[in-house]
Amino acid sequence: MLKAGASTTDKTAETLISLDAKEFVLGADKLEVAQINTVDANEVADRKEELEAAINAELSSKRISSICICNH
């Protein structure tokens, strides 16, 4: 039941990388930190390419220097 409640399979990559996202300004750079909560890390790892593409698009569109995603 816990696994079903924390499933990431029904969320788009764009949604996953923006969940609880916070933006920080470090001098001339912007950094965004977000977290993906799941009980099955493989669910997220299996979508690595999809998540990387979403992260790269976000970096470009928001002119962000870095995005940090914590998966726990």
Protein backbone atom coordinates (compact mmCIF):
# COMPACT_ATOMS: atom_id res chain seq x y z
CA MET A 1 0.00 0.00 0.00
CA LEU A 2 2.86 2.39 0.81
CA LYS A 3 4.45 1.63 -2.55
CA ALA A 4 1.23 2.43 -4.39
CA GLY A 5 0.92 5.76 -2.58
CA ALA A 6 4.49 6.77 -3.48
CA SER A 7 4.41 5.53 -7.07
CA THR A 8 6.01 7.79 -9.67
CA THR A 9 4.73 5.89 -12.70
CA ASP A 10 1.66 8.09 -13.11
CA LYS A 11 3.67 11.34 -13.18
CA THR A 12 5.43 12.93 -16.13
CA ALA A 13 9.17 13.55 -15.97
CA GLU A 14 8.44 17.29 -15.96
CA THR A 15 6.20 16.88 -12.93
CA LEU A 16 8.73 14.72 -11.09
CA ILE A 17 11.59 17.18 -11.46
CA SER A 18 9.46 20.08 -10.27
CA LEU A 19 7.90 18.46 -7.19
CA ASP A 20 8.65 20.59 -4.16
CA ALA A 21 11.26 22.48 -6.22
CA LYS A 22 13.00 25.45 -4.66
CA GLU A 23 15.08 27.98 -6.58
CA PHE A 24 18.17 29.61 -5.11
CA VAL A 25 20.24 32.48 -6.49
CA LEU A 26 24.00 32.17 -5.97
CA GLY A 27 25.55 35.32 -7.30
CA ALA A 28 24.90 35.29 -11.05
CA ASP A 29 23.79 31.65 -11.03
CA LYS A 30 20.43 30.06 -10.28
CA LEU A 31 20.13 26.60 -8.75
CA GLU A 32 16.96 24.54 -8.40
CA VAL A 33 16.63 21.76 -5.83
CA ALA A 34 13.80 19.23 -5.93
CA GLN A 35 13.07 15.86 -4.44
CA ILE A 36 11.39 12.74 -5.69
CA ASN A 37 9.85 10.64 -2.92
CA THR A 38 9.45 6.98 -3.72
CA VAL A 39 9.83 3.64 -2.01
CA ASP A 40 11.12 2.06 -5.22
CA ALA A 41 14.27 3.85 -6.45
CA ASN A 42 14.31 1.64 -9.55
CA GLU A 43 11.05 3.27 -10.66
CA VAL A 44 12.95 6.54 -11.00
CA ALA A 45 16.25 5.03 -12.19
CA ASP A 46 14.44 3.22 -15.02
CA ARG A 47 13.37 6.65 -16.36
CA LYS A 48 16.86 8.14 -16.30
CA GLU A 49 16.94 9.21 -19.96
CA GLU A 50 13.46 10.73 -19.77
CA LEU A 51 14.35 12.62 -16.59
CA GLU A 52 17.65 13.86 -18.05
CA ALA A 53 15.81 15.23 -21.09
CA ALA A 54 13.30 17.03 -18.84
CA ILE A 55 16.12 18.44 -16.71
CA ASN A 56 18.00 19.70 -19.76
CA ALA A 57 14.85 21.35 -21.11
CA GLU A 58 14.26 22.99 -17.72
CA LEU A 59 17.85 24.23 -17.55
CA SER A 60 17.46 25.84 -20.94
CA SER A 61 13.99 27.33 -20.51
CA LYS A 62 14.57 28.78 -17.04
CA ARG A 63 18.24 29.70 -17.62
CA ILE A 64 19.22 27.74 -14.55
CA SER A 65 22.86 26.78 -13.95
CA SER A 66 22.11 23.54 -12.10
CA ILE A 67 19.29 21.31 -10.96
CA CYS A 68 19.74 18.96 -8.02
CA ILE A 69 17.25 16.11 -7.70
CA CYS A 70 17.20 14.09 -4.49
CA ASN A 71 15.57 10.68 -4.76
CA HIS A 72 14.52 9.22 -1.45
